[in-house]
Amino acid sequence: MESTFLQDNVFFIVAAMMSGGMLLWPMLSRNSAKEIDAQRAIRFINYEDAVILDVRDDREYAEGHPPNSKHIFVERIGERWHELEKFKDRPIVVIFQPGLRAGHAGAVLRKNGFKKVYNLSGGIDTWRRENLPMVKDR
């Protein structure tokens, strides 16, 4: 049985394709938000009057959320981003449920001219773990 170059080197070809994709990823994901830790989020809130945008669903938001946060469910950000337009020049810290597509919210905002959009690394779990203030809707 005769083998071909592709059959003999399939592992190396796949590895080359994956590494090429990893090199291109930062360029392709340029529109999504940068991730920041809780300390940097607090600095943005305290010193740059950052807006906290909670993109979790209504039930999760009602169970507890950062004080003064704005709430737009991630599935609605495409139709409701204009509600944040007056905050375009301020940092926006996106709070999300881990596993939720927080990157989608950041991409929509950046596409619409928001320059300072940041995802809180770990989302609401990080906020809670750092014992940052939470409020509940009544």
N, C-alpha and C. Protein backbone atom coordinates (compact mmCIF):
# COMPACT_ATOMS: atom_id res chain seq x y z
N MET A 1 0.85 -1.17 0.00
CA MET A 1 0.00 0.00 0.00
C MET A 1 0.89 1.24 0.00
N GLU A 2 0.59 2.13 -0.84
CA GLU A 2 1.38 3.33 -1.00
C GLU A 2 0.82 4.45 -0.11
N SER A 3 1.68 5.16 0.62
CA SER A 3 1.21 6.26 1.46
C SER A 3 1.55 7.59 0.78
N THR A 4 0.83 8.59 1.17
CA THR A 4 1.06 9.91 0.61
C THR A 4 1.65 10.82 1.68
N PHE A 5 2.13 11.94 1.24
CA PHE A 5 2.69 12.93 2.16
C PHE A 5 1.66 13.33 3.22
N LEU A 6 0.41 13.57 2.79
CA LEU A 6 -0.63 14.00 3.73
C LEU A 6 -0.90 12.93 4.78
N GLN A 7 -0.98 11.67 4.36
CA GLN A 7 -1.22 10.59 5.31
C GLN A 7 -0.07 10.43 6.29
N ASP A 8 1.14 10.54 5.80
CA ASP A 8 2.32 10.36 6.65
C ASP A 8 2.51 11.51 7.65
N ASN A 9 2.00 12.68 7.32
CA ASN A 9 2.28 13.86 8.14
C ASN A 9 1.02 14.54 8.67
N VAL A 10 -0.06 13.79 8.82
CA VAL A 10 -1.33 14.39 9.23
C VAL A 10 -1.20 15.12 10.57
N PHE A 11 -0.48 14.56 11.52
CA PHE A 11 -0.31 15.20 12.82
C PHE A 11 0.36 16.57 12.67
N PHE A 12 1.40 16.65 11.88
CA PHE A 12 2.12 17.91 11.70
C PHE A 12 1.28 18.94 10.94
N ILE A 13 0.49 18.48 10.00
CA ILE A 13 -0.37 19.38 9.24
C ILE A 13 -1.44 19.98 10.15
N VAL A 14 -2.06 19.14 10.98
CA VAL A 14 -3.08 19.62 11.92
C VAL A 14 -2.45 20.59 12.92
N ALA A 15 -1.27 20.25 13.42
CA ALA A 15 -0.60 21.13 14.38
C ALA A 15 -0.27 22.48 13.74
N ALA A 16 0.17 22.48 12.50
CA ALA A 16 0.48 23.73 11.80
C ALA A 16 -0.78 24.57 11.60
N MET A 17 -1.88 23.91 11.25
CA MET A 17 -3.13 24.64 11.06
C MET A 17 -3.62 25.25 12.38
N MET A 18 -3.50 24.49 13.47
CA MET A 18 -3.94 25.00 14.77
C MET A 18 -3.07 26.17 15.23
N SER A 19 -1.78 26.05 15.04
CA SER A 19 -0.91 27.15 15.47
C SER A 19 -1.15 28.40 14.63
N GLY A 20 -1.43 28.21 13.35
CA GLY A 20 -1.78 29.36 12.50
C GLY A 20 -3.06 30.01 12.97
N GLY A 21 -4.04 29.21 13.33
CA GLY A 21 -5.29 29.74 13.86
C GLY A 21 -5.08 30.50 15.15
N MET A 22 -4.21 29.99 16.01
CA MET A 22 -3.93 30.67 17.27
C MET A 22 -3.24 32.02 17.03
N LEU A 23 -2.43 32.10 16.01
CA LEU A 23 -1.78 33.36 15.67
C LEU A 23 -2.78 34.37 15.13
N LEU A 24 -3.77 33.89 14.40
CA LEU A 24 -4.77 34.78 13.81
C LEU A 24 -5.86 35.18 14.80
N TRP A 25 -6.08 34.40 15.86
CA TRP A 25 -7.18 34.66 16.78
C TRP A 25 -7.19 36.08 17.35
N PRO A 26 -6.07 36.63 17.85
CA PRO A 26 -6.12 37.99 18.39
C PRO A 26 -6.58 39.03 17.36
N MET A 27 -6.19 38.83 16.12
CA MET A 27 -6.59 39.77 15.08
C MET A 27 -8.08 39.63 14.77
N LEU A 28 -8.59 38.40 14.77
CA LEU A 28 -9.99 38.17 14.46
C LEU A 28 -10.91 38.57 15.61
N SER A 29 -10.41 38.49 16.85
CA SER A 29 -11.26 38.79 18.01
C SER A 29 -11.04 40.22 18.52
N ARG A 30 -10.50 41.06 17.70
CA ARG A 30 -10.20 42.43 18.08
C ARG A 30 -11.43 43.20 18.59
N ASN A 31 -12.61 42.85 18.11
CA ASN A 31 -13.81 43.57 18.50
C ASN A 31 -14.36 43.17 19.86
N SER A 32 -13.90 42.07 20.42
CA SER A 32 -14.43 41.67 21.71
C SER A 32 -13.74 42.46 22.83
N ALA A 33 -14.30 42.35 24.01
CA ALA A 33 -13.78 43.11 25.15
C ALA A 33 -12.54 42.44 25.73
N LYS A 34 -11.69 43.24 26.37
CA LYS A 34 -10.54 42.71 27.07
C LYS A 34 -11.00 42.20 28.43
N GLU A 35 -10.31 41.20 28.96
CA GLU A 35 -10.63 40.70 30.29
C GLU A 35 -9.80 41.45 31.32
N ILE A 36 -10.44 41.76 32.45
CA ILE A 36 -9.74 42.43 33.55
C ILE A 36 -10.06 41.69 34.85
N ASP A 37 -9.18 41.87 35.83
CA ASP A 37 -9.44 41.26 37.14
C ASP A 37 -10.28 42.19 38.00
N ALA A 38 -10.69 41.72 39.16
CA ALA A 38 -11.58 42.49 40.03
C ALA A 38 -10.93 43.80 40.50
N GLN A 39 -9.63 43.79 40.80
CA GLN A 39 -8.97 45.01 41.26
C GLN A 39 -9.00 46.10 40.20
N ARG A 40 -8.76 45.71 38.97
CA ARG A 40 -8.79 46.72 37.90
C ARG A 40 -10.22 47.22 37.67
N ALA A 41 -11.19 46.34 37.80
CA ALA A 41 -12.59 46.75 37.67
C ALA A 41 -12.94 47.78 38.75
N ILE A 42 -12.51 47.54 39.96
CA ILE A 42 -12.79 48.47 41.06
C ILE A 42 -12.10 49.81 40.81
N ARG A 43 -10.87 49.79 40.29
CA ARG A 43 -10.19 51.05 39.97
C ARG A 43 -10.98 51.83 38.90
N PHE A 44 -11.47 51.13 37.88
CA PHE A 44 -12.29 51.79 36.85
C PHE A 44 -13.55 52.39 37.48
N ILE A 45 -14.18 51.65 38.37
CA ILE A 45 -15.41 52.12 39.00
C ILE A 45 -15.13 53.33 39.89
N ASN A 46 -14.09 53.25 40.70
CA ASN A 46 -13.80 54.32 41.67
C ASN A 46 -13.18 55.56 41.05
N TYR A 47 -12.32 55.39 40.06
CA TYR A 47 -11.56 56.53 39.55
C TYR A 47 -11.96 57.01 38.16
N GLU A 48 -12.69 56.17 37.41
CA GLU A 48 -13.08 56.57 36.06
C GLU A 48 -14.59 56.49 35.84
N ASP A 49 -15.33 56.34 36.93
CA ASP A 49 -16.79 56.32 36.88
C ASP A 49 -17.30 55.28 35.89
N ALA A 50 -16.72 54.08 35.95
CA ALA A 50 -17.11 53.01 35.03
C ALA A 50 -18.56 52.61 35.23
N VAL A 51 -19.15 52.11 34.17
CA VAL A 51 -20.51 51.56 34.20
C VAL A 51 -20.38 50.05 34.30
N ILE A 52 -21.14 49.46 35.20
CA ILE A 52 -21.19 48.01 35.29
C ILE A 52 -22.39 47.55 34.47
N LEU A 53 -22.14 46.69 33.50
CA LEU A 53 -23.20 46.15 32.65
C LEU A 53 -23.36 44.67 32.97
N ASP A 54 -24.47 44.31 33.56
CA ASP A 54 -24.76 42.93 33.90
C ASP A 54 -25.58 42.32 32.76
N VAL A 55 -25.04 41.30 32.11
CA VAL A 55 -25.70 40.72 30.94
C VAL A 55 -26.33 39.36 31.24
N ARG A 56 -26.50 39.05 32.52
CA ARG A 56 -27.16 37.79 32.90
C ARG A 56 -28.67 37.90 32.68
N ASP A 57 -29.36 36.79 32.78
CA ASP A 57 -30.81 36.83 32.56
C ASP A 57 -31.52 37.50 33.74
N ASP A 58 -32.80 37.78 33.57
CA ASP A 58 -33.58 38.53 34.56
C ASP A 58 -33.57 37.86 35.94
N ARG A 59 -33.76 36.55 35.97
CA ARG A 59 -33.80 35.83 37.25
C ARG A 59 -32.46 35.94 37.97
N GLU A 60 -31.37 35.71 37.26
CA GLU A 60 -30.04 35.78 37.87
C GLU A 60 -29.76 37.20 38.39
N TYR A 61 -30.14 38.18 37.62
CA TYR A 61 -29.93 39.58 38.01
C TYR A 61 -30.73 39.90 39.27
N ALA A 62 -31.97 39.45 39.33
CA ALA A 62 -32.83 39.73 40.49
C ALA A 62 -32.33 39.06 41.76
N GLU A 63 -31.65 37.93 41.62
CA GLU A 63 -31.12 37.21 42.79
C GLU A 63 -29.94 37.94 43.43
N GLY A 64 -29.32 38.84 42.73
CA GLY A 64 -28.21 39.61 43.26
C GLY A 64 -27.32 40.13 42.16
N HIS A 65 -26.99 41.42 42.26
CA HIS A 65 -26.18 42.07 41.24
C HIS A 65 -25.38 43.20 41.86
N PRO A 66 -24.34 43.66 41.18
CA PRO A 66 -23.56 44.79 41.69
C PRO A 66 -24.45 46.04 41.80
N PRO A 67 -24.25 46.85 42.83
CA PRO A 67 -25.05 48.07 42.98
C PRO A 67 -24.89 48.99 41.77
N ASN A 68 -25.96 49.66 41.41
CA ASN A 68 -25.98 50.64 40.31
C ASN A 68 -25.63 50.05 38.95
N SER A 69 -25.69 48.74 38.83
CA SER A 69 -25.36 48.15 37.53
C SER A 69 -26.53 48.32 36.57
N LYS A 70 -26.19 48.40 35.30
CA LYS A 70 -27.18 48.42 34.24
C LYS A 70 -27.44 46.97 33.84
N HIS A 71 -28.66 46.65 33.49
CA HIS A 71 -28.98 45.27 33.15
C HIS A 71 -29.55 45.18 31.74
N ILE A 72 -28.81 44.49 30.89
CA ILE A 72 -29.30 44.16 29.54
C ILE A 72 -28.88 42.71 29.30
N PHE A 73 -29.85 41.83 29.17
CA PHE A 73 -29.57 40.42 28.92
C PHE A 73 -28.77 40.30 27.63
N VAL A 74 -27.76 39.45 27.63
CA VAL A 74 -26.84 39.31 26.49
C VAL A 74 -27.59 39.04 25.18
N GLU A 75 -28.69 38.32 25.25
CA GLU A 75 -29.45 38.02 24.04
C GLU A 75 -30.15 39.25 23.47
N ARG A 76 -30.23 40.33 24.24
CA ARG A 76 -30.92 41.55 23.81
C ARG A 76 -29.96 42.71 23.52
N ILE A 77 -28.67 42.48 23.72
CA ILE A 77 -27.71 43.58 23.60
C ILE A 77 -27.71 44.18 22.18
N GLY A 78 -27.95 43.36 21.18
CA GLY A 78 -27.96 43.85 19.80
C GLY A 78 -29.05 44.86 19.53
N GLU A 79 -30.16 44.74 20.24
CA GLU A 79 -31.27 45.67 20.04
C GLU A 79 -31.35 46.76 21.10
N ARG A 80 -30.58 46.61 22.21
CA ARG A 80 -30.70 47.59 23.30
C ARG A 80 -29.40 48.35 23.61
N TRP A 81 -28.32 48.14 22.84
CA TRP A 81 -27.04 48.77 23.13
C TRP A 81 -27.15 50.29 23.18
N HIS A 82 -28.07 50.85 22.42
CA HIS A 82 -28.21 52.32 22.35
C HIS A 82 -28.58 52.92 23.71
N GLU A 83 -29.12 52.11 24.63
CA GLU A 83 -29.45 52.58 25.97
C GLU A 83 -28.19 52.99 26.74
N LEU A 84 -27.05 52.53 26.28
CA LEU A 84 -25.77 52.82 26.95
C LEU A 84 -25.00 53.93 26.24
N GLU A 85 -25.56 54.46 25.17
CA GLU A 85 -24.82 55.42 24.35
C GLU A 85 -24.30 56.61 25.14
N LYS A 86 -25.03 57.07 26.14
CA LYS A 86 -24.57 58.22 26.92
C LYS A 86 -23.33 57.89 27.76
N PHE A 87 -22.98 56.60 27.86
CA PHE A 87 -21.81 56.18 28.62
C PHE A 87 -20.63 55.80 27.71
N LYS A 88 -20.70 56.18 26.45
CA LYS A 88 -19.72 55.75 25.45
C LYS A 88 -18.27 56.09 25.81
N ASP A 89 -18.07 57.20 26.51
CA ASP A 89 -16.70 57.63 26.84
C ASP A 89 -16.21 57.08 28.18
N ARG A 90 -17.06 56.34 28.88
CA ARG A 90 -16.67 55.77 30.17
C ARG A 90 -16.34 54.29 30.00
N PRO A 91 -15.49 53.77 30.88
CA PRO A 91 -15.25 52.32 30.84
C PRO A 91 -16.54 51.56 31.14
N ILE A 92 -16.73 50.46 30.48
CA ILE A 92 -17.87 49.58 30.74
C ILE A 92 -17.32 48.22 31.14
N VAL A 93 -17.70 47.79 32.35
CA VAL A 93 -17.27 46.50 32.88
C VAL A 93 -18.45 45.54 32.74
N VAL A 94 -18.26 44.50 31.94
CA VAL A 94 -19.33 43.54 31.68
C VAL A 94 -19.26 42.40 32.70
N ILE A 95 -20.39 42.19 33.38
CA ILE A 95 -20.54 41.10 34.35
C ILE A 95 -21.43 40.05 33.70
N PHE A 96 -21.05 38.80 33.78
CA PHE A 96 -21.77 37.74 33.10
C PHE A 96 -21.78 36.48 33.94
N GLN A 97 -22.60 35.54 33.56
CA GLN A 97 -22.60 34.21 34.17
C GLN A 97 -21.57 33.39 33.43
N PRO A 98 -20.62 32.77 34.13
CA PRO A 98 -19.63 31.96 33.42
C PRO A 98 -20.31 30.98 32.46
N GLY A 99 -19.77 30.89 31.28
CA GLY A 99 -20.34 30.05 30.24
C GLY A 99 -21.23 30.84 29.30
N LEU A 100 -21.68 32.01 29.75
CA LEU A 100 -22.52 32.87 28.92
C LEU A 100 -21.62 33.59 27.92
N ARG A 101 -22.17 33.99 26.81
CA ARG A 101 -21.38 34.62 25.76
C ARG A 101 -21.13 36.10 26.06
N ALA A 102 -20.32 36.37 27.05
CA ALA A 102 -20.01 37.75 27.40
C ALA A 102 -19.27 38.44 26.26
N GLY A 103 -18.48 37.69 25.52
CA GLY A 103 -17.75 38.26 24.40
C GLY A 103 -18.67 38.87 23.37
N HIS A 104 -19.86 38.31 23.25
CA HIS A 104 -20.84 38.84 22.30
C HIS A 104 -21.24 40.26 22.69
N ALA A 105 -21.49 40.49 23.97
CA ALA A 105 -21.88 41.84 24.43
C ALA A 105 -20.77 42.84 24.12
N GLY A 106 -19.54 42.48 24.45
CA GLY A 106 -18.42 43.37 24.17
C GLY A 106 -18.25 43.66 22.70
N ALA A 107 -18.42 42.63 21.87
CA ALA A 107 -18.28 42.81 20.42
C ALA A 107 -19.33 43.77 19.88
N VAL A 108 -20.57 43.63 20.36
CA VAL A 108 -21.65 44.52 19.90
C VAL A 108 -21.34 45.96 20.30
N LEU A 109 -20.91 46.15 21.54
CA LEU A 109 -20.61 47.52 22.00
C LEU A 109 -19.43 48.12 21.23
N ARG A 110 -18.37 47.36 21.06
CA ARG A 110 -17.20 47.89 20.34
C ARG A 110 -17.55 48.20 18.88
N LYS A 111 -18.36 47.36 18.27
CA LYS A 111 -18.79 47.59 16.89
C LYS A 111 -19.56 48.90 16.77
N ASN A 112 -20.21 49.31 17.86
CA ASN A 112 -21.02 50.52 17.86
C ASN A 112 -20.30 51.71 18.49
N GLY A 113 -18.97 51.65 18.54
CA GLY A 113 -18.18 52.81 18.92
C GLY A 113 -17.75 52.91 20.36
N PHE A 114 -18.04 51.91 21.19
CA PHE A 114 -17.58 51.92 22.57
C PHE A 114 -16.12 51.46 22.58
N LYS A 115 -15.24 52.27 23.13
CA LYS A 115 -13.81 51.97 23.07
C LYS A 115 -13.29 51.27 24.33
N LYS A 116 -13.93 51.51 25.47
CA LYS A 116 -13.44 51.00 26.75
C LYS A 116 -14.39 49.95 27.31
N VAL A 117 -14.39 48.77 26.71
CA VAL A 117 -15.27 47.69 27.14
C VAL A 117 -14.40 46.56 27.70
N TYR A 118 -14.73 46.12 28.91
CA TYR A 118 -13.93 45.11 29.60
C TYR A 118 -14.84 44.05 30.20
N ASN A 119 -14.46 42.78 30.06
CA ASN A 119 -15.16 41.69 30.72
C ASN A 119 -14.46 41.42 32.05
N LEU A 120 -15.25 41.31 33.11
CA LEU A 120 -14.66 40.91 34.39
C LEU A 120 -14.32 39.43 34.29
N SER A 121 -13.05 39.11 34.38
CA SER A 121 -12.60 37.72 34.28
C SER A 121 -13.32 36.88 35.35
N GLY A 122 -14.01 35.84 34.91
CA GLY A 122 -14.74 34.99 35.84
C GLY A 122 -16.15 35.48 36.12
N GLY A 123 -16.49 36.66 35.60
CA GLY A 123 -17.84 37.18 35.72
C GLY A 123 -18.34 37.34 37.14
N ILE A 124 -19.62 37.03 37.34
CA ILE A 124 -20.26 37.24 38.64
C ILE A 124 -19.62 36.37 39.72
N ASP A 125 -19.07 35.22 39.34
CA ASP A 125 -18.41 34.37 40.33
C ASP A 125 -17.21 35.09 40.94
N THR A 126 -16.45 35.80 40.13
CA THR A 126 -15.32 36.57 40.64
C THR A 126 -15.81 37.69 41.54
N TRP A 127 -16.86 38.38 41.13
CA TRP A 127 -17.42 39.46 41.94
C TRP A 127 -17.78 38.95 43.33
N ARG A 128 -18.46 37.82 43.38
CA ARG A 128 -18.86 37.22 44.67
C ARG A 128 -17.64 36.76 45.46
N ARG A 129 -16.72 36.08 44.81
CA ARG A 129 -15.52 35.55 45.49
C ARG A 129 -14.70 36.66 46.13
N GLU A 130 -14.70 37.84 45.50
CA GLU A 130 -13.96 38.98 46.04
C GLU A 130 -14.76 39.74 47.11
N ASN A 131 -15.94 39.20 47.46
CA ASN A 131 -16.82 39.84 48.46
C ASN A 131 -17.16 41.28 48.12
N LEU A 132 -17.36 41.54 46.85
CA LEU A 132 -17.76 42.88 46.42
C LEU A 132 -19.26 43.04 46.67
N PRO A 133 -19.73 44.28 46.83
CA PRO A 133 -21.12 44.48 47.22
C PRO A 133 -22.12 43.95 46.19
N MET A 134 -23.22 43.40 46.72
CA MET A 134 -24.30 42.88 45.91
C MET A 134 -25.62 43.42 46.47
N VAL A 135 -26.57 43.65 45.61
CA VAL A 135 -27.92 44.04 46.04
C VAL A 135 -28.91 43.11 45.35
N LYS A 136 -30.10 42.99 45.95
CA LYS A 136 -31.15 42.17 45.37
C LYS A 136 -32.33 43.05 45.05
N ASP A 137 -33.01 42.71 43.95
CA ASP A 137 -34.26 43.40 43.62
C ASP A 137 -35.35 42.84 44.52
N ARG A 138 -36.26 43.70 44.89
CA ARG A 138 -37.36 43.24 45.76
C ARG A 138 -38.59 42.96 44.96
